[in-house]
C-alpha atoms as a PDB file:
ATOM      1  CA  MET A   1      -2.001  13.089   6.060  1.00  0.00           C
ATOM      2  CA  PRO A   2       0.404  10.876   4.078  1.00  0.00           C
ATOM      3  CA  SER A   3       2.823   8.730   5.999  1.00  0.00           C
ATOM      4  CA  GLN A   4       6.229  10.372   6.335  1.00  0.00           C
ATOM      5  CA  HIS A   5       7.737   6.914   6.562  1.00  0.00           C
ATOM      6  CA  ALA A   6       6.343   5.872   3.174  1.00  0.00           C
ATOM      7  CA  ILE A   7       7.619   8.942   1.315  1.00  0.00           C
ATOM      8  CA  ASN A   8      10.979   8.782   3.074  1.00  0.00           C
ATOM      9  CA  ASP A   9      11.363   5.139   2.028  1.00  0.00           C
ATOM     10  CA  LEU A  10      10.463   5.998  -1.564  1.00  0.00           C
ATOM     11  CA  LEU A  11      12.851   8.949  -1.668  1.00  0.00           C
ATOM     12  CA  ALA A  12      15.643   6.777  -0.239  1.00  0.00           C
ATOM     13  CA  LEU A  13      15.064   4.216  -2.995  1.00  0.00           C
ATOM     14  CA  LEU A  14      14.824   6.817  -5.767  1.00  0.00           C
ATOM     15  CA  GLY A  15      17.908   8.586  -4.440  1.00  0.00           C
ATOM     16  CA  ARG A  16      20.125   5.565  -5.052  1.00  0.00           C
ATOM     17  CA  ARG A  17      22.418   6.079  -7.984  1.00  0.00           C
ATOM     18  CA  TRP A  18      20.950   4.815 -11.290  1.00  0.00           C
ATOM     19  CA  VAL A  19      17.504   3.909  -9.900  1.00  0.00           C
ATOM     20  CA  LEU A  20      15.683   6.783 -11.585  1.00  0.00           C
ATOM     21  CA  ARG A  21      17.546   6.190 -14.836  1.00  0.00           C
ATOM     22  CA  VAL A  22      16.648   2.482 -14.829  1.00  0.00           C
ATOM     23  CA  LEU A  23      12.986   3.280 -14.180  1.00  0.00           C
ATOM     24  CA  TRP A  24      13.040   5.925 -16.920  1.00  0.00           C
ATOM     25  CA  GLU A  25      14.580   3.596 -19.493  1.00  0.00           C
ATOM     26  CA  LEU A  26      12.053   0.860 -18.679  1.00  0.00           C
ATOM     27  CA  ARG A  27       9.048   3.117 -19.254  1.00  0.00           C
ATOM     28  CA  GLY A  28       8.647   1.704 -22.779  1.00  0.00           C
ATOM     29  CA  ASP A  29       9.127  -1.820 -24.027  1.00  0.00           C
ATOM     30  CA  PRO A  30      10.872  -4.504 -21.951  1.00  0.00           C
ATOM     31  CA  LEU A  31      14.646  -4.433 -22.301  1.00  0.00           C
ATOM     32  CA  PRO A  32      17.164  -7.239 -21.968  1.00  0.00           C
ATOM     33  CA  PHE A  33      20.011  -6.585 -19.550  1.00  0.00           C
ATOM     34  CA  ARG A  34      22.558  -5.578 -22.217  1.00  0.00           C
ATOM     35  CA  ARG A  35      20.214  -3.129 -23.935  1.00  0.00           C
ATOM     36  CA  LEU A  36      19.196  -1.653 -20.578  1.00  0.00           C
ATOM     37  CA  ARG A  37      22.844  -1.268 -19.638  1.00  0.00           C
ATOM     38  CA  ALA A  38      23.577   0.471 -22.956  1.00  0.00           C
ATOM     39  CA  ALA A  39      20.592   2.787 -22.441  1.00  0.00           C
ATOM     40  CA  CYS A  40      22.003   3.658 -19.017  1.00  0.00           C
ATOM     41  CA  ASP A  41      25.321   4.910 -20.404  1.00  0.00           C
ATOM     42  CA  GLU A  42      27.075   1.602 -19.750  1.00  0.00           C
ATOM     43  CA  VAL A  43      26.555   1.606 -15.980  1.00  0.00           C
ATOM     44  CA  SER A  44      28.641  -1.180 -14.462  1.00  0.00           C
ATOM     45  CA  THR A  45      27.059  -4.613 -14.612  1.00  0.00           C
ATOM     46  CA  SER A  46      27.352  -5.066 -10.853  1.00  0.00           C
ATOM     47  CA  VAL A  47      25.596  -1.773 -10.084  1.00  0.00           C
ATOM     48  CA  LEU A  48      22.845  -2.430 -12.634  1.00  0.00           C
ATOM     49  CA  SER A  49      22.322  -5.944 -11.261  1.00  0.00           C
ATOM     50  CA  GLN A  50      22.070  -4.552  -7.731  1.00  0.00           C
ATOM     51  CA  ARG A  51      19.604  -1.831  -8.729  1.00  0.00           C
ATOM     52  CA  LEU A  52      17.441  -4.306 -10.656  1.00  0.00           C
ATOM     53  CA  ARG A  53      17.438  -6.622  -7.634  1.00  0.00           C
ATOM     54  CA  GLU A  54      16.367  -3.741  -5.371  1.00  0.00           C
ATOM     55  CA  LEU A  55      13.640  -2.672  -7.781  1.00  0.00           C
ATOM     56  CA  ARG A  56      12.398  -6.275  -8.064  1.00  0.00           C
ATOM     57  CA  ASP A  57      12.365  -6.556  -4.265  1.00  0.00           C
ATOM     58  CA  GLU A  58      10.256  -3.382  -4.143  1.00  0.00           C
ATOM     59  CA  GLY A  59       7.840  -4.783  -6.730  1.00  0.00           C
ATOM     60  CA  LEU A  60       8.591  -2.119  -9.334  1.00  0.00           C
ATOM     61  CA  VAL A  61      10.423  -4.249 -11.910  1.00  0.00           C
ATOM     62  CA  THR A  62      10.027  -7.825 -13.066  1.00  0.00           C
ATOM     63  CA  GLN A  63      11.688 -10.135 -15.560  1.00  0.00           C
ATOM     64  CA  THR A  64       9.792 -11.520 -18.517  1.00  0.00           C
ATOM     65  CA  ASP A  65       9.988 -15.145 -19.643  1.00  0.00           C
ATOM     66  CA  ASP A  66      12.677 -14.154 -22.143  1.00  0.00           C
ATOM     67  CA  ASP A  67      14.762 -12.472 -19.380  1.00  0.00           C
ATOM     68  CA  ALA A  68      13.996  -8.884 -20.367  1.00  0.00           C
ATOM     69  CA  TYR A  69      13.187  -6.358 -17.661  1.00  0.00           C
ATOM     70  CA  THR A  70       9.928  -4.466 -17.509  1.00  0.00           C
ATOM     71  CA  LEU A  71       7.971  -2.335 -15.077  1.00  0.00           C
ATOM     72  CA  THR A  72       5.238  -3.883 -12.973  1.00  0.00           C
ATOM     73  CA  ALA A  73       1.881  -2.144 -12.581  1.00  0.00           C
ATOM     74  CA  ASP A  74       3.309  -0.260  -9.583  1.00  0.00           C
ATOM     75  CA  GLY A  75       6.425   0.562 -11.590  1.00  0.00           C
ATOM     76  CA  ARG A  76       4.320   1.918 -14.462  1.00  0.00           C
ATOM     77  CA  ALA A  77       2.295   4.020 -12.021  1.00  0.00           C
ATOM     78  CA  LEU A  78       5.526   5.461 -10.650  1.00  0.00           C
ATOM     79  CA  GLY A  79       6.764   5.922 -14.224  1.00  0.00           C
ATOM     80  CA  ASP A  80       3.657   7.973 -14.987  1.00  0.00           C
ATOM     81  CA  GLN A  81       4.640  10.271 -12.146  1.00  0.00           C
ATOM     82  CA  LEU A  82       8.152  10.545 -13.587  1.00  0.00           C
ATOM     83  CA  VAL A  83       6.737  11.493 -16.994  1.00  0.00           C
ATOM     84  CA  ALA A  84       4.643  14.183 -15.298  1.00  0.00           C
ATOM     85  CA  LEU A  85       7.749  15.384 -13.454  1.00  0.00           C
ATOM     86  CA  SER A  86       9.634  15.487 -16.759  1.00  0.00           C
ATOM     87  CA  ALA A  87       6.894  17.654 -18.298  1.00  0.00           C
ATOM     88  CA  TRP A  88       7.035  19.965 -15.294  1.00  0.00           C
ATOM     89  CA  ALA A  89      10.844  20.213 -15.566  1.00  0.00           C
ATOM     90  CA  THR A  90      10.656  20.976 -19.299  1.00  0.00           C
ATOM     91  CA  ALA A  91       8.076  23.727 -18.762  1.00  0.00           C
ATOM     92  CA  ARG A  92      10.091  25.182 -15.895  1.00  0.00           C
ATOM     93  CA  SER A  93      13.260  25.156 -17.963  1.00  0.00           C
ATOM     94  CA  ALA A  94      11.504  26.997 -20.798  1.00  0.00           C
ATOM     95  CA  ARG A  95      10.237  29.663 -18.351  1.00  0.00           C
ATOM     96  CA  ARG A  96      13.705  30.193 -16.925  1.00  0.00           C
ATOM     97  CA  ARG A  97      15.317  30.948 -20.312  1.00  0.00           C
END
């Protein structure tokens, strides 16, 4: 049986405002801070900095040599789950119409 503690920790992280959006926007090419901020509807710089720090601390995001942000292998694996969740949500939405 999966650890309740592990899923609770993950859900707490993902439940923080802007975390899911940052992960979603980083699913493609690395983005410099300003482009990531623009992709996230101009989230405040302090909030984006805090979320990036938290995601780096969790090993989900890293900075490239040219200071862009990108997902780590763990971040990409989580991103794959988000893409699957997006497909599920799209199919569900179509069924509900």
